[in-house]
Amino acid sequence: MSDRKSYEKWTTEEFVIKRDGLRTRIKNDIDWLDQVIAQEERELAQLEVKTKSFLSYLFLRK
């Protein structure tokens, strides 16, 4: 199966294989992005806590 074939010449089987491959890649990319977003949200929450703690410290020092 050559990727160089124009899509009009793909057989049904080739089309299904390519479609399923793309679906898998897209699903994997979405799963990876979900993991990255979750990690970023955790880091942001930690930063928020640290920032609030630091600001409280600054205001209490006065």
Protein backbone atom coordinates (compact mmCIF):
# COMPACT_ATOMS: atom_id res chain seq x y z
CA MET A 1 0.00 0.00 0.00
CA SER A 2 1.67 3.19 -1.15
CA ASP A 3 0.95 6.52 0.47
CA ARG A 4 1.90 8.11 -2.84
CA LYS A 5 -1.30 6.89 -4.48
CA SER A 6 -3.86 9.60 -4.79
CA TYR A 7 -6.74 9.03 -2.44
CA GLU A 8 -9.13 8.52 -5.36
CA LYS A 9 -7.26 5.29 -6.20
CA TRP A 10 -7.32 3.85 -2.67
CA THR A 11 -9.18 0.60 -2.29
CA THR A 12 -11.85 0.38 0.39
CA GLU A 13 -9.46 -1.66 2.54
CA GLU A 14 -6.70 0.95 2.18
CA PHE A 15 -9.12 3.70 3.08
CA VAL A 16 -10.35 1.86 6.19
CA ILE A 17 -6.78 1.14 7.31
CA LYS A 18 -5.75 4.77 6.85
CA ARG A 19 -8.92 6.05 8.52
CA ASP A 20 -8.46 3.75 11.50
CA GLY A 21 -4.80 4.71 11.75
CA LEU A 22 -5.72 8.38 11.79
CA ARG A 23 -8.39 7.79 14.42
CA THR A 24 -5.85 6.01 16.61
CA ARG A 25 -3.29 8.80 16.17
CA ILE A 26 -5.89 11.46 16.94
CA LYS A 27 -7.10 9.56 20.02
CA ASN A 28 -3.52 9.14 21.23
CA ASP A 29 -2.83 12.84 20.66
CA ILE A 30 -5.96 13.80 22.59
CA ASP A 31 -5.02 11.46 25.46
CA TRP A 32 -1.52 12.97 25.54
CA LEU A 33 -2.91 16.51 25.52
CA ASP A 34 -5.30 15.62 28.35
CA GLN A 35 -2.32 14.41 30.38
CA VAL A 36 -0.35 17.58 29.63
CA ILE A 37 -3.31 19.78 30.58
CA ALA A 38 -3.84 17.86 33.82
CA GLN A 39 -0.16 18.27 34.72
CA GLU A 40 -0.25 21.99 33.89
CA GLU A 41 -3.38 22.42 36.03
CA ARG A 42 -1.66 20.68 38.97
CA GLU A 43 1.40 22.88 38.60
CA LEU A 44 -0.75 26.00 38.34
CA ALA A 45 -2.65 25.04 41.49
CA GLN A 46 0.65 24.56 43.34
CA LEU A 47 1.88 27.91 42.10
CA GLU A 48 -1.35 29.55 43.24
CA VAL A 49 -0.92 28.14 46.74
CA LYS A 50 2.70 29.27 46.88
CA THR A 51 1.78 32.75 45.63
CA LYS A 52 -1.02 33.15 48.18
CA SER A 53 1.31 31.94 50.92
CA PHE A 54 4.01 34.38 49.87
CA LEU A 55 1.58 37.29 49.66
CA SER A 56 0.21 36.44 53.11
CA TYR A 57 3.76 36.39 54.42
CA LEU A 58 4.48 39.83 52.91
CA PHE A 59 1.32 41.38 54.36
CA LEU A 60 1.85 39.86 57.79
CA ARG A 61 5.41 41.21 57.95
CA LYS A 62 4.23 44.82 57.98
